[in-house]
């Protein structure tokens, strides 16, 4: 064997063992599986005020976090969670602040968005604002996934932006003590 062949053999051997060591150090746990539950969104269901067990779609609903959008249009829906759609449910992402401190997230719920968008000055949408207060707790999931947040001491209130509310009342699901997954409805809005 000549000198070049020996060097080539050594380089290939070193690369092979380096690659083997790199792959051997990766564990299955280093990748957070897509099915692993992470920080949940608040699940909201819209129900009929006269028959609270019945779902009732909100006509032409638009939802966005306060300060994230301003009168969204067909040309600009940036920042909206739902835009001008008939909806019976919504998933609201809650803001995460310091653990154990009360945090407030506010969402704009605009019913009949299409009336704001049309050319008729005599029609308009109806905007209510919901305010959600809660405490955040960080829960360790795994080395790969890190921490997720759960939300405790949930309270929800609403107000009209123009004096007329379309929301009749809001109920928090008594069966849950905290928002820790997206398997159950957390809040029902009756209208």
Protein backbone atom coordinates (compact mmCIF):
# COMPACT_ATOMS: atom_id res chain seq x y z
CA UNK A 1 0.00 0.00 0.00
CA UNK A 2 1.39 3.36 -0.96
CA UNK A 3 1.27 6.51 1.20
CA UNK A 4 -1.73 8.12 -0.63
CA UNK A 5 -3.84 5.00 -0.24
CA UNK A 6 -3.04 4.82 3.50
CA UNK A 7 -4.04 8.48 4.00
CA UNK A 8 -7.24 7.96 2.02
CA UNK A 9 -8.10 4.90 4.13
CA UNK A 10 -7.46 6.80 7.36
CA UNK A 11 -9.60 9.78 6.25
CA UNK A 12 -12.48 7.54 5.18
CA UNK A 13 -12.26 5.60 8.46
CA UNK A 14 -12.27 8.79 10.56
CA UNK A 15 -15.29 10.14 8.62
CA UNK A 16 -17.15 6.84 9.03
CA UNK A 17 -16.58 6.70 12.81
CA UNK A 18 -17.43 10.41 13.23
CA UNK A 19 -20.70 9.91 11.36
CA UNK A 20 -21.45 6.80 13.40
CA UNK A 21 -20.87 8.69 16.67
CA UNK A 22 -23.07 11.59 15.58
CA UNK A 23 -26.02 9.36 14.76
CA UNK A 24 -25.50 7.22 17.82
CA UNK A 25 -25.85 10.27 20.10
CA UNK A 26 -29.23 11.26 18.64
CA UNK A 27 -32.05 9.76 20.61
CA UNK A 28 -35.67 9.38 19.66
CA UNK A 29 -36.46 11.81 22.47
CA UNK A 30 -34.60 14.63 20.69
CA UNK A 31 -37.56 15.24 18.35
CA UNK A 32 -40.85 16.53 19.72
CA UNK A 33 -43.58 14.40 18.16
CA UNK A 34 -46.33 16.33 16.42
CA UNK A 35 -48.92 14.44 18.48
CA UNK A 36 -47.44 15.69 21.78
CA UNK A 37 -49.85 18.10 23.50
CA UNK A 38 -48.40 21.59 23.71
CA UNK A 39 -49.80 24.90 24.99
CA UNK A 40 -53.56 24.72 24.37
CA UNK A 41 -55.75 27.33 22.80
CA UNK A 42 -58.99 28.33 24.51
CA UNK A 43 -61.85 26.46 22.82
CA UNK A 44 -64.99 28.57 22.50
CA UNK A 45 -68.38 27.31 21.38
CA UNK A 46 -71.30 29.52 20.29
CA UNK A 47 -74.69 28.37 21.57
CA UNK A 48 -78.30 29.47 21.34
CA UNK A 49 -79.31 31.65 24.31
CA UNK A 50 -82.83 30.14 24.35
CA UNK A 51 -81.61 26.52 23.96
CA UNK A 52 -78.12 26.53 25.57
CA UNK A 53 -77.32 22.94 24.55
CA UNK A 54 -77.79 23.76 20.85
CA UNK A 55 -74.96 25.16 18.75
CA UNK A 56 -75.89 28.38 16.97
CA UNK A 57 -73.61 29.82 14.28
CA UNK A 58 -72.56 33.43 14.56
CA UNK A 59 -73.22 35.03 11.19
CA UNK A 60 -70.25 36.56 9.38
CA UNK A 61 -67.99 36.41 12.43
CA UNK A 62 -64.56 38.02 12.54
CA UNK A 63 -62.25 37.48 15.54
CA UNK A 64 -58.92 39.11 16.28
CA UNK A 65 -56.82 39.93 19.31
CA UNK A 66 -57.12 43.50 20.53
CA UNK A 67 -54.43 45.58 18.89
CA UNK A 68 -53.58 42.91 16.29
CA UNK A 69 -55.90 44.10 13.52
CA UNK A 70 -58.00 47.17 12.84
CA UNK A 71 -61.22 46.76 10.83
CA UNK A 72 -59.94 43.90 8.65
CA UNK A 73 -61.11 43.80 5.03
CA UNK A 74 -61.13 41.24 2.24
CA UNK A 75 -57.80 42.72 1.11
CA UNK A 76 -56.21 42.64 4.56
CA UNK A 77 -57.05 39.82 6.98
CA UNK A 78 -53.67 39.86 8.72
CA UNK A 79 -54.01 39.29 12.45
CA UNK A 80 -57.47 37.71 12.27
CA UNK A 81 -58.27 34.29 13.75
CA UNK A 82 -61.63 34.03 11.94
CA UNK A 83 -62.66 36.34 9.11
CA UNK A 84 -66.22 36.97 7.88
CA UNK A 85 -67.31 33.34 8.33
CA UNK A 86 -70.30 31.62 9.87
CA UNK A 87 -68.83 29.88 12.91
CA UNK A 88 -70.02 27.68 15.78
CA UNK A 89 -66.57 27.36 17.39
CA UNK A 90 -63.32 29.28 17.68
CA UNK A 91 -59.84 28.56 19.03
CA UNK A 92 -58.28 31.52 20.82
CA UNK A 93 -54.55 31.61 21.59
CA UNK A 94 -53.97 33.08 25.04
CA UNK A 95 -51.06 35.40 25.77
CA UNK A 96 -48.33 33.91 27.96
CA UNK A 97 -46.77 36.16 30.57
CA UNK A 98 -44.97 35.46 33.84
CA UNK A 99 -45.87 32.28 35.68
CA UNK A 100 -48.34 32.73 38.52
CA UNK A 101 -49.30 36.30 37.60
CA UNK A 102 -52.74 37.26 36.30
CA UNK A 103 -52.71 37.86 32.56
CA UNK A 104 -55.45 39.40 30.45
CA UNK A 105 -56.15 38.63 26.79
CA UNK A 106 -58.80 40.65 24.95
CA UNK A 107 -60.46 39.60 21.70
CA UNK A 108 -62.70 41.51 19.32
CA UNK A 109 -65.70 39.48 18.13
CA UNK A 110 -67.44 41.18 15.24
CA UNK A 111 -70.81 39.78 14.18
CA UNK A 112 -72.20 40.54 10.69
CA UNK A 113 -68.85 41.73 9.35
CA UNK A 114 -70.36 41.84 5.87
CA UNK A 115 -72.56 44.80 6.94
CA UNK A 116 -69.47 46.85 7.78
CA UNK A 117 -67.91 45.93 4.44
CA UNK A 118 -70.89 46.78 2.21
CA UNK A 119 -71.51 50.19 0.64
CA UNK A 120 -74.65 50.91 2.69
CA UNK A 121 -73.95 53.53 5.37
CA UNK A 122 -77.17 52.59 7.19
CA UNK A 123 -75.95 49.09 8.12
CA UNK A 124 -73.10 48.13 10.37
CA UNK A 125 -71.65 45.14 12.16
CA UNK A 126 -71.95 44.55 15.91
CA UNK A 127 -68.70 44.35 17.88
CA UNK A 128 -68.35 42.82 21.35
CA UNK A 129 -65.09 42.52 23.23
CA UNK A 130 -64.34 39.55 25.45
CA UNK A 131 -61.77 39.81 28.20
CA UNK A 132 -60.16 36.63 29.50
CA UNK A 133 -58.10 36.71 32.69
CA UNK A 134 -56.07 33.74 33.91
CA UNK A 135 -52.85 32.63 35.55
CA UNK A 136 -50.18 30.80 33.57
CA UNK A 137 -48.35 27.73 34.86
CA UNK A 138 -45.42 26.17 33.02
CA UNK A 139 -45.40 22.37 32.86
CA UNK A 140 -42.39 20.32 31.73
CA UNK A 141 -43.26 18.03 28.81
CA UNK A 142 -39.94 16.45 27.76
CA UNK A 143 -36.40 17.31 26.80
CA UNK A 144 -37.37 17.56 23.14
CA UNK A 145 -40.58 19.54 23.63
CA UNK A 146 -39.53 21.67 26.57
CA UNK A 147 -42.35 23.31 28.53
CA UNK A 148 -45.99 23.97 27.77
CA UNK A 149 -48.29 26.45 29.46
CA UNK A 150 -51.57 25.67 31.16
CA UNK A 151 -54.05 28.28 32.28
CA UNK A 152 -55.70 28.40 35.71
CA UNK A 153 -58.32 30.57 37.44
CA UNK A 154 -60.05 31.38 34.16
CA UNK A 155 -62.52 34.28 34.14
CA UNK A 156 -64.31 35.70 31.09
CA UNK A 157 -66.33 38.88 30.70
CA UNK A 158 -67.69 40.84 27.75
CA UNK A 159 -68.62 44.36 26.77
CA UNK A 160 -70.03 46.09 23.71
CA UNK A 161 -67.90 48.52 21.78
CA UNK A 162 -70.94 50.62 20.85
CA UNK A 163 -73.41 49.96 23.71
CA UNK A 164 -75.34 47.10 22.04
CA UNK A 165 -74.19 43.54 22.73
CA UNK A 166 -74.98 40.53 20.59
CA UNK A 167 -73.61 38.20 23.29
CA UNK A 168 -76.25 37.31 25.92
CA UNK A 169 -73.93 35.60 28.40
CA UNK A 170 -70.75 33.60 28.77
CA UNK A 171 -70.36 30.29 30.62
CA UNK A 172 -67.10 28.67 31.68
CA UNK A 173 -67.13 24.87 31.64
CA UNK A 174 -67.41 23.89 35.34
CA UNK A 175 -66.02 20.42 34.61
CA UNK A 176 -62.53 21.80 34.02
CA UNK A 177 -60.28 23.30 36.66
CA UNK A 178 -57.72 24.57 34.17
CA UNK A 179 -57.13 24.83 30.44
CA UNK A 180 -54.56 22.11 29.79
CA UNK A 181 -55.63 20.57 26.48
CA UNK A 182 -57.92 21.08 23.50
CA UNK A 183 -60.09 18.01 24.12
CA UNK A 184 -63.06 19.86 25.67
CA UNK A 185 -64.86 23.13 25.14
CA UNK A 186 -63.67 25.61 27.76
CA UNK A 187 -66.12 28.47 27.23
CA UNK A 188 -69.62 28.76 25.78
CA UNK A 189 -70.86 32.06 24.41
CA UNK A 190 -74.65 32.29 24.34
CA UNK A 191 -76.25 34.58 21.78
